[in-house]
């Protein structure tokens, strides 16, 4: 079962404001939507047991190195909350 993807206003505004290659950004977002609609737990939680998750762009893609999509989900929907620099990983 695919989950419905909902882009929050903040996400849409941040996506437009990103100063990166728009084709690469569109490809990243489209790919993330596909993955998240099928299995949103493939991302990483921002903190253990937290409700906010993120999925980072692939390493080595110029202009997207530090970008991640932040989202929340339930059984039927995924809310894309924000797209911005991802947190430093330990």
Protein backbone atom coordinates (compact mmCIF):
# COMPACT_ATOMS: atom_id res chain seq x y z
CA UNK A 1 0.00 0.00 0.00
CA UNK A 2 1.31 3.43 -0.94
CA UNK A 3 0.93 6.26 1.51
CA UNK A 4 -0.39 9.65 0.40
CA UNK A 5 2.37 12.29 0.23
CA UNK A 6 1.47 15.72 1.59
CA UNK A 7 3.81 18.68 1.06
CA UNK A 8 3.47 21.18 3.88
CA UNK A 9 3.70 24.89 2.96
CA UNK A 10 7.04 25.25 4.72
CA UNK A 11 8.50 22.39 2.67
CA UNK A 12 7.29 23.83 -0.64
CA UNK A 13 8.70 27.27 0.21
CA UNK A 14 12.06 25.90 1.28
CA UNK A 15 12.31 23.77 -1.84
CA UNK A 16 11.81 26.86 -4.01
CA UNK A 17 14.40 28.79 -2.00
CA UNK A 18 17.17 26.20 -2.28
CA UNK A 19 20.02 27.48 -4.42
CA UNK A 20 20.92 24.19 -6.05
CA UNK A 21 20.55 22.55 -9.42
CA UNK A 22 16.76 22.37 -9.79
CA UNK A 23 16.84 19.17 -11.89
CA UNK A 24 18.87 17.35 -9.23
CA UNK A 25 16.63 18.70 -6.49
CA UNK A 26 13.51 17.58 -8.36
CA UNK A 27 15.03 14.12 -8.92
CA UNK A 28 15.92 13.85 -5.21
CA UNK A 29 12.45 14.91 -4.08
CA UNK A 30 10.69 12.63 -6.58
CA UNK A 31 12.85 9.67 -5.55
CA UNK A 32 12.30 10.38 -1.86
CA UNK A 33 8.53 10.61 -2.38
CA UNK A 34 8.54 7.21 -4.07
CA UNK A 35 10.60 5.60 -1.29
CA UNK A 36 8.63 7.23 1.52
CA UNK A 37 5.24 6.37 0.03
CA UNK A 38 6.21 2.68 0.15
CA UNK A 39 8.37 2.48 3.29
CA UNK A 40 8.86 5.67 5.30
CA UNK A 41 10.84 3.86 7.99
CA UNK A 42 13.77 3.68 5.54
CA UNK A 43 14.73 7.16 6.70
CA UNK A 44 16.42 8.00 9.99
CA UNK A 45 14.80 9.35 13.13
CA UNK A 46 16.04 12.75 14.27
CA UNK A 47 16.22 11.25 17.77
CA UNK A 48 15.47 7.75 19.08
CA UNK A 49 11.73 7.28 19.54
CA UNK A 50 11.00 10.65 17.93
CA UNK A 51 8.20 11.38 15.50
CA UNK A 52 10.28 13.36 13.00
CA UNK A 53 12.38 11.46 10.49
CA UNK A 54 14.74 12.53 7.71
CA UNK A 55 16.05 11.12 4.47
CA UNK A 56 19.35 12.56 3.22
CA UNK A 57 20.39 13.19 -0.37
CA UNK A 58 23.04 10.83 -1.67
CA UNK A 59 26.65 11.63 -0.84
CA UNK A 60 28.68 13.14 -3.65
CA UNK A 61 25.83 14.76 -5.59
CA UNK A 62 26.97 18.34 -6.25
CA UNK A 63 24.67 20.87 -4.63
CA UNK A 64 22.84 18.31 -2.50
CA UNK A 65 25.61 17.05 -0.18
CA UNK A 66 24.11 18.46 3.03
CA UNK A 67 20.39 18.41 2.17
CA UNK A 68 17.72 16.23 3.79
CA UNK A 69 13.95 15.99 3.72
CA UNK A 70 12.31 15.97 7.16
CA UNK A 71 8.98 14.21 7.48
CA UNK A 72 6.44 12.48 9.70
CA UNK A 73 4.12 9.61 8.83
CA UNK A 74 1.28 7.40 9.89
CA UNK A 75 -0.33 4.32 8.33
CA UNK A 76 -1.78 6.19 5.35
CA UNK A 77 0.13 9.47 4.92
CA UNK A 78 3.59 11.02 4.84
CA UNK A 79 3.93 14.73 5.60
CA UNK A 80 6.96 16.40 4.04
CA UNK A 81 7.70 19.01 6.69
CA UNK A 82 10.97 20.63 5.68
CA UNK A 83 13.92 20.40 3.30
CA UNK A 84 17.17 21.83 4.64
CA UNK A 85 20.69 21.07 5.82
CA UNK A 86 20.82 17.71 7.53
CA UNK A 87 22.15 17.22 11.05
CA UNK A 88 25.72 16.15 11.69
CA UNK A 89 25.86 12.39 12.15
CA UNK A 90 27.76 10.95 15.12
